[in-house]
Protein backbone atom coordinates (compact mmCIF):
# COMPACT_ATOMS: atom_id res chain seq x y z
CA MET A 1 -119.42 -71.14 44.46
CA GLN A 2 -117.03 -69.39 42.10
CA GLY A 3 -117.48 -66.14 44.08
CA GLY A 4 -116.48 -67.92 47.27
CA ILE A 5 -113.25 -69.17 45.67
CA ILE A 6 -112.36 -65.66 44.54
CA ARG A 7 -113.09 -64.30 47.98
CA LYS A 8 -110.83 -66.94 49.55
CA HIS A 9 -107.97 -66.01 47.17
CA LEU A 10 -108.35 -62.33 48.01
CA ASP A 11 -108.20 -63.01 51.73
CA LEU A 12 -105.07 -65.09 51.25
CA LEU A 13 -103.42 -62.33 49.21
CA GLN A 14 -104.28 -59.76 51.85
CA THR A 15 -102.76 -61.94 54.56
CA LYS A 16 -99.50 -62.26 52.57
CA LEU A 17 -99.29 -58.52 51.99
CA SER A 18 -99.78 -57.83 55.70
CA ALA A 19 -97.01 -60.27 56.55
CA LEU A 20 -94.69 -58.64 54.00
CA LEU A 21 -95.34 -55.19 55.40
CA LEU A 22 -94.67 -56.44 58.93
CA PHE A 23 -91.40 -58.00 57.77
CA ILE A 24 -90.30 -54.73 56.13
CA VAL A 25 -91.07 -52.79 59.32
CA ILE A 26 -89.08 -55.25 61.42
CA ILE A 27 -86.09 -55.17 59.07
CA THR A 28 -86.16 -51.36 58.92
CA ASP A 29 -86.30 -51.11 62.70
CA SER A 30 -83.47 -53.60 63.04
CA LEU A 31 -81.31 -51.71 60.54
CA ALA A 32 -82.03 -48.45 62.31
CA ARG A 33 -81.05 -49.94 65.61
CA ALA A 34 -77.97 -51.64 64.18
CA GLN A 35 -76.70 -48.43 62.51
CA VAL A 36 -74.24 -46.14 64.30
CA ASN A 37 -74.57 -42.54 63.16
CA VAL A 38 -71.37 -40.50 63.07
CA GLU A 39 -70.81 -36.75 62.94
CA PRO A 40 -69.12 -35.61 60.78
CA ASN A 41 -68.65 -38.29 58.15
CA THR A 42 -65.43 -36.58 56.99
CA ALA A 43 -63.42 -33.86 58.73
CA VAL A 44 -60.74 -31.93 56.82
CA LEU A 45 -58.72 -29.56 58.97
CA ASN A 46 -55.29 -28.08 59.38
CA GLU A 47 -52.75 -29.36 61.83
CA GLY A 48 -53.25 -27.87 65.32
CA ALA A 49 -56.97 -27.24 64.82
CA GLN A 50 -59.70 -28.40 67.24
CA GLN A 51 -62.23 -31.04 66.13
CA ASP A 52 -65.28 -32.70 67.72
CA LEU A 53 -66.09 -36.34 66.82
CA LEU A 54 -69.40 -37.98 67.80
CA CYS A 55 -70.99 -41.47 67.50
CA ARG A 56 -74.75 -41.97 68.19
CA TYR A 57 -77.15 -44.87 68.60
CA GLY A 58 -80.91 -44.79 69.06
CA ARG A 59 -80.81 -46.63 72.43
CA PRO A 60 -78.67 -46.52 75.57
CA ILE A 61 -75.18 -47.96 75.20
CA THR A 62 -73.16 -49.80 77.83
CA TYR A 63 -69.67 -48.80 76.79
CA CYS A 64 -67.78 -46.71 74.15
CA ARG A 65 -64.30 -47.27 72.73
CA ILE A 66 -62.71 -44.89 70.20
CA GLU A 67 -59.55 -45.57 68.19
CA ILE A 68 -57.70 -42.52 66.75
CA PRO A 69 -54.89 -42.92 64.16
CA GLY A 70 -51.45 -42.05 65.53
CA GLU A 71 -52.53 -42.61 69.16
CA THR A 72 -51.26 -45.76 70.86
CA LYS A 73 -54.13 -45.95 73.34
CA VAL A 74 -57.73 -46.96 72.81
CA PHE A 75 -60.00 -44.52 74.63
CA ASN A 76 -62.73 -46.10 76.81
CA LEU A 77 -64.91 -43.05 77.14
CA SER A 78 -67.57 -41.97 79.61
CA PRO A 79 -68.83 -38.55 80.72
CA ASP A 80 -66.40 -38.45 83.67
CA TRP A 81 -63.42 -39.67 81.63
CA ASP A 82 -60.38 -37.34 81.61
CA LYS A 83 -57.35 -39.61 81.66
CA THR A 84 -55.59 -38.40 78.47
CA PRO A 85 -54.64 -34.72 78.17
CA GLY A 86 -55.78 -33.10 74.94
CA PHE A 87 -58.80 -35.42 74.61
CA ILE A 88 -62.18 -34.67 76.25
CA TYR A 89 -65.45 -36.63 76.30
CA ASN A 90 -68.06 -35.29 73.85
CA GLY A 91 -71.79 -36.06 73.87
CA LYS A 92 -74.91 -36.24 76.05
CA GLY A 93 -73.90 -39.48 77.75
CA LEU A 94 -74.14 -43.24 77.32
CA GLN A 95 -77.77 -43.42 78.47
CA ALA A 96 -78.67 -41.00 75.69
CA GLY A 97 -76.83 -43.23 73.20
CA GLU A 98 -74.08 -40.66 72.48
CA CYS A 99 -70.35 -41.06 72.78
CA GLY A 100 -67.54 -38.97 71.30
CA VAL A 101 -64.30 -37.13 71.82
CA ARG A 102 -62.97 -33.60 71.30
CA ILE A 103 -59.43 -33.41 69.98
CA GLU A 104 -58.07 -30.09 71.15
CA HIS A 105 -54.99 -30.04 68.89
CA VAL A 106 -55.02 -32.28 65.84
CA LYS A 107 -51.62 -33.66 64.86
CA ALA A 108 -50.47 -34.72 61.41
CA ILE A 109 -50.25 -38.33 62.65
CA ASN A 110 -53.99 -38.27 63.45
CA ASN A 111 -54.77 -38.35 59.73
CA GLY A 112 -56.79 -41.44 58.84
CA GLN A 113 -59.97 -43.24 59.90
CA VAL A 114 -61.34 -42.79 63.42
CA LYS A 115 -63.33 -45.85 64.62
CA CYS A 116 -65.91 -45.92 67.41
CA ASN A 117 -67.16 -49.23 68.98
CA LEU A 118 -70.40 -49.19 70.98
CA GLY A 119 -71.74 -51.90 73.32
CA VAL A 120 -75.48 -52.34 72.69
CA GLU A 121 -77.57 -55.12 74.31
CA GLY A 122 -74.76 -57.64 74.47
CA GLU A 123 -73.32 -56.90 71.03
CA GLU A 124 -70.79 -54.40 69.63
CA LEU A 125 -71.63 -51.95 66.80
CA SER A 126 -69.07 -49.80 64.95
CA GLY A 127 -68.92 -46.51 63.05
CA THR A 128 -66.10 -44.70 61.24
CA ILE A 129 -65.11 -41.05 60.63
CA ASP A 130 -62.58 -39.98 58.01
CA LEU A 131 -60.18 -37.52 59.60
CA VAL A 132 -58.05 -35.68 57.03
CA VAL A 133 -55.29 -33.56 58.50
CA ALA A 134 -54.25 -31.17 55.74
CA LEU A 135 -50.59 -30.97 54.78
CA ARG A 136 -49.28 -28.10 52.67
CA PRO A 137 -47.71 -29.31 49.40
CA LYS A 138 -44.25 -28.52 48.19
CA GLN A 139 -43.33 -25.54 45.99
CA PRO A 140 -44.81 -25.86 42.46
CA LEU A 141 -42.36 -26.82 39.74
CA VAL A 142 -42.60 -25.76 36.07
CA GLU A 143 -41.20 -28.51 33.87
CA LEU A 144 -40.58 -27.81 30.15
CA ILE A 145 -41.79 -30.47 27.72
CA THR A 146 -40.77 -28.39 24.67
CA LYS A 147 -37.09 -27.62 24.95
CA PRO A 148 -35.58 -24.26 23.85
CA ASP A 149 -32.40 -23.92 21.79
CA ARG A 150 -28.99 -23.81 23.42
CA ASP A 151 -29.39 -20.08 24.01
CA ARG A 152 -32.69 -20.74 25.85
CA TYR A 153 -34.77 -19.21 23.05
CA PHE A 154 -37.98 -20.45 21.44
CA HIS A 155 -38.96 -19.53 17.88
CA GLU A 156 -42.17 -17.77 16.93
CA GLY A 157 -44.89 -20.14 15.68
CA ASN A 158 -43.51 -23.26 17.38
CA LYS A 159 -45.76 -25.24 19.72
CA PHE A 160 -44.83 -24.69 23.34
CA GLN A 161 -45.72 -27.20 26.07
CA ALA A 162 -44.94 -27.24 29.79
CA ARG A 163 -46.08 -29.05 32.91
CA CYS A 164 -46.77 -27.90 36.47
CA ILE A 165 -46.10 -30.36 39.31
CA VAL A 166 -47.27 -29.78 42.91
CA ARG A 167 -46.03 -32.64 45.09
CA ASP A 168 -47.05 -34.17 48.41
CA GLY A 169 -50.14 -32.29 49.47
CA ARG A 170 -53.07 -33.44 51.57
CA PRO A 171 -55.66 -33.03 50.24
CA VAL A 172 -54.64 -32.52 46.62
CA ALA A 173 -53.78 -28.94 45.60
CA ASN A 174 -55.47 -26.94 42.85
CA ILE A 175 -53.40 -25.34 40.06
CA THR A 176 -53.75 -22.01 38.21
CA TRP A 177 -51.70 -20.98 35.16
CA LEU A 178 -50.85 -17.33 34.47
CA LEU A 179 -49.00 -15.34 31.81
CA ASP A 180 -47.82 -12.05 33.31
CA ASN A 181 -50.68 -12.19 35.85
CA GLU A 182 -53.22 -12.85 33.08
CA PRO A 183 -55.19 -16.12 33.36
CA ALA A 184 -54.29 -18.78 30.78
CA ALA A 185 -57.09 -21.23 31.60
CA LYS A 186 -58.05 -21.90 27.95
CA ARG A 187 -54.65 -23.43 27.22
CA VAL A 188 -54.49 -26.01 30.02
CA GLY A 189 -55.33 -29.71 30.18
CA GLN A 190 -57.06 -31.84 32.81
CA LEU A 191 -55.72 -32.00 36.36
CA GLU A 192 -54.03 -35.33 37.10
CA VAL A 193 -53.75 -36.64 40.69
CA LEU A 194 -51.21 -39.21 41.86
CA ALA A 195 -51.35 -40.81 45.35
CA SER A 196 -48.07 -41.55 47.12
CA PRO A 197 -48.37 -43.67 50.30
CA ARG A 198 -45.70 -43.26 52.99
CA GLU A 199 -44.22 -45.85 55.38
CA ASN A 200 -46.16 -44.43 58.30
CA GLY A 201 -49.41 -44.84 56.38
CA LEU A 202 -49.89 -41.13 55.72
CA GLU A 203 -51.06 -40.84 52.11
CA LEU A 204 -50.02 -37.75 50.17
CA PHE A 205 -51.11 -36.48 46.74
CA THR A 206 -49.32 -34.92 43.76
CA ALA A 207 -51.15 -32.65 41.29
CA ILE A 208 -49.99 -32.44 37.63
CA GLN A 209 -51.34 -30.22 34.85
CA ASP A 210 -50.09 -29.42 31.32
CA ILE A 211 -50.29 -26.22 29.29
CA GLN A 212 -49.62 -25.69 25.58
CA TRP A 213 -50.08 -23.12 22.78
CA ASP A 214 -48.40 -21.79 19.63
CA ILE A 215 -45.82 -19.36 20.89
CA ALA A 216 -45.96 -15.80 19.50
CA ALA A 217 -43.64 -12.80 19.32
CA GLU A 218 -45.62 -11.11 22.12
CA ASP A 219 -44.63 -13.94 24.47
CA ASN A 220 -41.01 -12.85 24.53
CA GLY A 221 -40.08 -11.81 28.05
CA ARG A 222 -43.40 -12.91 29.52
CA ARG A 223 -43.45 -14.79 32.82
CA LEU A 224 -45.19 -18.17 32.81
CA VAL A 225 -46.50 -18.86 36.32
CA CYS A 226 -47.84 -22.07 37.90
CA ARG A 227 -49.66 -21.24 41.15
CA SER A 228 -50.93 -23.77 43.70
CA HIS A 229 -53.97 -23.27 45.94
CA HIS A 230 -54.41 -25.24 49.14
CA GLN A 231 -56.45 -24.94 52.30
CA THR A 232 -53.27 -24.73 54.33
CA ASP A 233 -52.23 -21.48 52.64
CA PRO A 234 -51.99 -18.74 55.29
CA ASP A 235 -54.54 -15.97 54.98
CA ASN A 236 -51.89 -13.25 55.15
CA ALA A 237 -49.49 -14.84 52.67
CA PRO A 238 -49.68 -15.34 48.89
CA PRO A 239 -50.05 -18.85 47.48
CA GLN A 240 -47.00 -20.82 46.42
CA GLU A 241 -45.93 -20.61 42.77
CA GLY A 242 -43.27 -21.63 40.28
CA ALA A 243 -42.32 -19.53 37.23
CA TYR A 244 -40.39 -19.58 33.96
CA GLU A 245 -39.42 -16.60 31.79
CA LEU A 246 -40.04 -17.14 28.09
CA LEU A 247 -37.49 -16.00 25.50
CA VAL A 248 -38.72 -15.83 21.91
CA ARG A 249 -36.91 -14.92 18.69
CA TYR A 250 -38.84 -13.64 15.68
CA SER A 251 -38.42 -11.70 12.45
CA PRO A 252 -39.38 -7.98 12.32
CA LEU A 253 -43.11 -7.65 12.79
CA ARG A 254 -45.18 -6.26 9.93
CA MET A 255 -46.87 -2.87 10.16
CA PRO A 256 -49.32 -0.89 7.99
CA GLU A 257 -48.08 2.00 5.85
CA THR A 258 -46.61 4.78 8.00
CA LEU A 259 -47.35 8.48 7.41
CA VAL A 260 -45.00 11.12 8.84
CA TYR A 261 -46.53 14.60 8.65
CA GLY A 262 -45.89 18.12 9.94
CA LEU A 263 -42.46 18.42 8.25
CA TYR A 264 -41.16 21.85 7.19
CA LEU A 265 -40.01 22.48 3.63
CA GLU A 266 -36.41 23.70 3.17
CA HIS A 267 -35.53 22.38 6.64
CA THR A 268 -33.50 19.37 7.74
CA VAL A 269 -36.11 16.86 8.94
CA LYS A 270 -36.08 13.47 10.66
CA VAL A 271 -38.37 10.68 9.51
CA ASN A 272 -38.86 8.36 12.52
CA MET A 273 -40.72 5.07 12.84
CA THR A 274 -40.80 2.31 15.48
CA ILE A 275 -40.54 -1.41 14.68
CA ARG A 276 -40.33 -4.58 16.77
CA ALA A 277 -37.91 -7.48 16.24
CA ASN A 278 -35.69 -9.97 18.07
CA PRO A 279 -32.77 -10.20 17.50
CA THR A 280 -31.71 -6.68 16.48
CA PRO A 281 -32.52 -5.90 12.82
CA VAL A 282 -30.28 -4.36 10.13
CA ILE A 283 -31.84 -1.41 8.28
CA GLU A 284 -31.70 -0.15 4.70
CA TRP A 285 -33.77 2.47 2.87
CA ALA A 286 -34.83 2.49 -0.80
CA ILE A 287 -35.61 5.93 -2.29
CA ASP A 288 -36.38 6.08 -6.03
CA GLY A 289 -34.23 2.99 -6.58
CA ASN A 290 -31.35 4.37 -4.51
CA VAL A 291 -30.48 2.07 -1.57
CA ILE A 292 -29.01 3.62 1.58
CA ARG A 293 -27.83 1.26 4.35
CA GLN A 294 -27.76 2.11 8.02
CA GLY A 295 -24.86 4.37 8.95
CA GLU A 296 -24.52 5.63 5.33
CA GLN A 297 -25.29 8.95 3.58
CA SER A 298 -26.36 9.55 0.00
CA GLY A 299 -26.76 13.17 -1.10
CA ARG A 300 -29.26 14.84 1.19
CA PHE A 301 -30.35 11.51 2.76
CA SER A 302 -28.75 9.88 5.83
CA ALA A 303 -29.79 6.50 7.33
CA PHE A 304 -29.08 5.91 11.04
CA GLU A 305 -28.62 2.63 12.90
CA PRO A 306 -31.72 1.44 14.85
CA GLU A 307 -31.99 2.70 18.42
CA TYR A 308 -33.15 0.14 21.02
CA LEU A 309 -36.09 1.36 23.10
CA GLY A 310 -36.63 -1.75 25.22
CA HIS A 311 -39.05 -4.70 25.02
CA ASP A 312 -37.84 -5.50 21.45
CA PHE A 313 -38.81 -2.03 20.13
CA TYR A 314 -36.41 -0.10 17.87
CA ASN A 315 -36.52 3.49 16.60
CA VAL A 316 -35.46 3.83 12.94
CA THR A 317 -34.48 7.29 11.60
CA LEU A 318 -33.94 8.76 8.12
CA VAL A 319 -32.62 12.36 7.93
CA ILE A 320 -33.41 14.56 4.90
CA ALA A 321 -31.43 17.80 4.51
CA GLY A 322 -33.34 20.70 2.90
CA LEU A 323 -36.71 19.04 2.43
CA THR A 324 -38.24 19.87 -0.96
CA LEU A 325 -41.79 19.62 -2.21
CA GLU A 326 -40.66 16.86 -4.55
CA ASP A 327 -39.41 14.86 -1.55
CA THR A 328 -42.95 14.76 -0.17
CA THR A 329 -44.17 13.03 -3.35
CA LYS A 330 -41.76 10.11 -3.08
CA ILE A 331 -42.43 6.70 -1.55
CA TYR A 332 -39.82 5.56 0.97
CA THR A 333 -39.32 1.83 1.54
CA MET A 334 -37.47 0.62 4.63
CA ARG A 335 -36.32 -3.00 4.96
CA ALA A 336 -35.50 -4.55 8.35
CA THR A 337 -33.60 -7.87 8.39
CA ASN A 338 -32.46 -10.21 11.16
CA ALA A 339 -31.50 -13.88 11.43
CA LEU A 340 -35.14 -15.01 11.13
CA GLY A 341 -36.24 -12.99 8.08
CA SER A 342 -36.85 -9.63 6.43
CA THR A 343 -39.83 -7.26 6.46
CA ASP A 344 -40.49 -4.25 4.20
CA TYR A 345 -42.19 -1.08 5.49
CA THR A 346 -43.69 1.72 3.37
CA VAL A 347 -43.32 5.31 4.57
CA ARG A 348 -44.91 8.50 3.19
CA ILE A 349 -44.03 12.01 4.33
CA SER A 350 -46.03 15.24 4.23
CA SER A 351 -45.57 18.90 5.08
CA SER A 352 -49.19 19.15 6.19
CA ALA A 353 -49.79 20.01 9.81
CA THR A 354 -52.27 17.14 10.14
CA PRO A 355 -52.44 13.79 8.36
CA PRO A 356 -54.65 13.81 5.27
CA SER A 357 -57.85 11.82 5.47
CA ALA A 358 -59.25 9.43 2.90
CA GLY A 359 -62.23 11.77 2.18
CA LEU A 360 -63.19 15.39 2.70
CA GLU A 361 -62.61 16.79 6.15
CA ILE A 362 -65.44 18.31 8.15
CA GLY A 363 -64.03 21.82 7.64
CA ALA A 364 -63.96 21.36 3.86
CA ILE A 365 -67.53 20.10 3.84
CA VAL A 366 -68.70 23.06 5.92
CA GLY A 367 -66.84 25.46 3.61
CA ILE A 368 -68.52 24.00 0.55
CA VAL A 369 -71.96 24.26 2.14
CA VAL A 370 -71.34 27.90 3.15
CA ALA A 371 -70.08 28.79 -0.35
CA LEU A 372 -73.18 27.30 -1.96
CA ALA A 373 -75.43 29.18 0.45
CA VAL A 374 -73.67 32.48 -0.34
CA LEU A 375 -73.97 31.82 -4.09
CA VAL A 376 -77.71 31.14 -3.82
CA LEU A 377 -78.13 34.32 -1.74
CA ILE A 378 -76.31 36.43 -4.38
CA VAL A 379 -78.50 35.04 -7.18
CA LEU A 380 -81.64 35.82 -5.19
CA LEU A 381 -80.44 39.37 -4.49
CA VAL A 382 -79.67 39.98 -8.20
CA LEU A 383 -83.13 38.75 -9.19
CA PHE A 384 -84.72 40.93 -6.52
CA ALA A 385 -82.75 44.05 -7.63
CA ARG A 386 -83.62 43.46 -11.27
CA ALA A 387 -87.30 43.02 -10.49
CA THR A 388 -87.51 46.12 -8.28
CA GLY A 389 -85.10 48.37 -10.21
CA ARG A 390 -82.79 48.92 -7.29
CA TRP A 391 -79.03 49.36 -6.89
CA CYS A 392 -77.24 48.83 -10.21
CA PHE A 393 -80.57 48.34 -12.02
CA ALA A 394 -81.90 51.81 -10.99
CA GLY A 395 -83.05 53.92 -14.05
CA ALA A 396 -83.09 50.97 -16.42
CA THR A 397 -86.58 49.92 -15.49
CA LEU A 398 -89.44 51.00 -17.81
CA ASN A 399 -91.87 53.12 -15.79
CA THR A 400 -95.44 52.81 -17.03
CA ASP A 401 -96.67 55.71 -14.94
CA ILE A 402 -98.23 58.20 -17.42
CA GLY A 403 -98.61 61.06 -14.94
CA PRO A 404 -96.88 64.37 -15.56
CA ASP A 405 -94.48 63.80 -12.70
CA SER A 406 -93.17 60.57 -14.17
CA GLU A 407 -89.48 60.28 -15.06
CA ALA A 408 -90.39 59.20 -18.61
CA GLN A 409 -93.71 60.01 -20.31
CA ILE A 410 -95.24 58.87 -23.57
CA ASN A 411 -97.55 61.51 -25.07
CA PRO A 412 -100.30 59.71 -26.96
CA GLN A 413 -101.00 62.82 -29.04
CA LEU A 414 -97.74 62.73 -30.95
CA ASN A 415 -95.83 59.73 -32.15
CA ASP A 416 -92.89 61.82 -33.34
CA GLU A 417 -92.07 63.26 -29.89
CA PHE A 418 -89.76 61.60 -27.30
CA ASP A 419 -88.45 62.67 -23.86
CA GLY A 420 -89.40 66.35 -24.25
CA ARG A 421 -87.22 66.87 -27.40
CA GLU A 422 -88.73 68.90 -30.37
CA PHE A 423 -87.64 68.20 -33.92
CA ASN A 424 -87.88 71.14 -36.27
CA ASN A 425 -86.74 70.55 -39.84
CA GLY A 426 -84.51 67.78 -38.63
CA ALA A 427 -82.98 69.90 -35.86
CA GLU A 428 -83.34 68.95 -32.23
CA HIS A 429 -84.87 71.60 -30.01
CA ILE A 430 -84.82 71.38 -26.20
CA ASP A 431 -87.68 73.13 -24.47
CA THR A 432 -86.13 75.07 -21.58
CA ARG A 433 -89.20 77.00 -20.51
CA GLU A 434 -90.35 76.78 -16.94
CA GLN A 435 -92.65 73.89 -16.38
CA THR A 436 -95.77 74.03 -14.38
CA GLU A 437 -96.53 71.24 -12.06
CA GLU A 438 -100.00 69.85 -12.04
CA PRO A 439 -101.34 67.19 -9.80
CA THR A 440 -101.30 63.74 -11.27
CA PRO A 441 -104.79 62.68 -12.25
CA PRO A 442 -106.15 59.36 -11.12
CA VAL A 443 -105.37 56.30 -13.20
CA THR A 444 -108.91 56.16 -14.64
CA ASP A 445 -108.62 59.79 -15.79
CA LYS A 446 -105.29 58.99 -17.39
CA LEU A 447 -106.77 56.11 -19.32
CA GLU A 448 -109.72 58.20 -20.45
CA SER A 449 -107.44 61.05 -21.52
CA GLN A 450 -105.25 58.63 -23.44
CA LYS A 451 -108.27 57.24 -25.31
CA LYS A 452 -109.39 60.76 -26.32
CA ALA A 453 -105.89 61.65 -27.44
CA ASP A 454 -105.75 58.52 -29.60
CA ILE A 455 -109.10 59.37 -31.23
CA LYS A 456 -107.98 62.92 -31.92
CA SER A 457 -104.66 61.80 -33.36
CA ASN A 458 -106.34 59.30 -35.65
CA ALA A 459 -108.79 61.96 -36.82
CA ALA A 460 -105.95 64.34 -37.61
CA LYS A 461 -104.13 61.71 -39.62
CA THR A 462 -107.32 60.96 -41.54
CA THR A 463 -107.77 64.61 -42.39
CA ILE A 464 -104.23 64.84 -43.72
CA ILE A 465 -104.64 61.79 -45.90
CA SER A 466 -107.97 62.98 -47.33
CA GLY A 467 -106.61 66.46 -48.07
CA THR A 468 -109.44 68.35 -46.40
CA ASP A 469 -107.12 70.03 -43.89
CA THR A 470 -104.08 71.98 -45.06
CA ASN A 471 -102.77 73.01 -41.68
CA ASN A 472 -101.50 70.39 -39.05
CA THR A 473 -100.19 71.69 -35.75
CA ILE A 474 -97.68 69.39 -33.85
CA THR A 475 -97.12 70.20 -30.24
CA ALA A 476 -94.13 68.79 -28.37
CA THR A 477 -94.08 70.28 -24.92
CA ASN A 478 -94.09 69.13 -21.28
CA GLY A 479 -97.36 70.65 -20.13
CA THR A 480 -97.48 73.75 -22.57
CA SER A 481 -98.14 74.25 -26.30
CA HIS A 482 -96.72 76.53 -29.06
CA ASN A 483 -96.90 76.79 -32.84
CA ALA A 484 -94.26 74.52 -34.27
CA GLU A 485 -94.73 74.30 -38.01
CA THR A 486 -97.39 74.87 -40.72
CA LYS A 487 -97.32 72.46 -43.65
CA THR A 488 -99.09 72.71 -46.98
CA ASN A 489 -100.58 69.49 -48.21
CA THR A 490 -100.92 69.20 -51.94
CA SER A 491 -103.57 66.76 -53.00
CA VAL A 492 -104.06 65.33 -56.45
């Protein structure tokens, strides 16, 4: 029994859902039939342009009336309607549920809301189209919020604020700010739009936008431009704009230390530098505590008045007669002063052809590297010559060759003989006899011969010491022998 109750409740719920769905379908169909579709919803066009307007319904319509702003007549349209010049029927026909009009030349008075009324099954349905006929705004106006002084000058560092106003446009105009043709978008505020209705019902719009920044010395002479952009601007003509030329006064601008180089010693030279100021500065130079004002001369130094170069730039000149080396070691201080302040500038001069750098130049570094390489090469060559006995070391090298053709020989048979010289009773004797050349024996033969000579020499010395031999013959020759001296050894 409980299952039957549940089944009954489910059937009831299903019936209600079906009824709800049917109701939604009916309402949706009714809304679709009751709605008049328009094309376009909004039309924005210039005066004199052509525009098609169309109203549609999903079923056949019995009549079509269209009301256009600025036109005194209400148009009862049909496919064969052609009663009003400049207006033509637009659409597939009343049976197809379409009705519209083509305006061949839109007038400014047509701006507003176009309304179409359609007869459908004994009732009247309506649709609307917003028709905006564009109207070019007036010339932009730059209005100063921050006022300049009585001479029309602003001072550096002060906050500058201005406003651009573009009046009576339809639709509203867009605004662009420029400084000497450079965009200044980061300095502007939000665009403000004001509507201004007219007696004839034509609504116009005014665009307003502010700009502000801290004015700088570089702004002097710059052109502040407010430019409007509108759909009515001709393609072959620039947009409308308003402008204001900024005038700024400021003290002489600071600069880093100036180096003047390439000056000739013992010549009259000019030390020039360029500064920027507004108004014109007054110049004075300080050299080793001696102050020279513009237009004055002190000894070999002459200070000239600043020469205007344009755009707030001035050329400042100091003339030095007979430049000395000592002059290039001095520090020159120039002070520029105008009504807004003073600025000191440091100047150094040099006779070098190029300005000195903070570190070693590339040429100096290369020179040092080359010098070190040459020095290393010389040391290596000296060591090589010393090791091989060449060049200046020739003849100083000890030759260990013991052959007879050697430049220096050591005879192992006699310790008292040297370089072919014979000593007889303390007198030096040079052997001038012709020498015979013999082939140099192999190294092993030399060593063997030397060993035998050493044994023989030692034996001779032993005989002398023991007293068994009373005659000792000493030979000092280069390849030959002769009797040199006979000594008598007395033994005890």
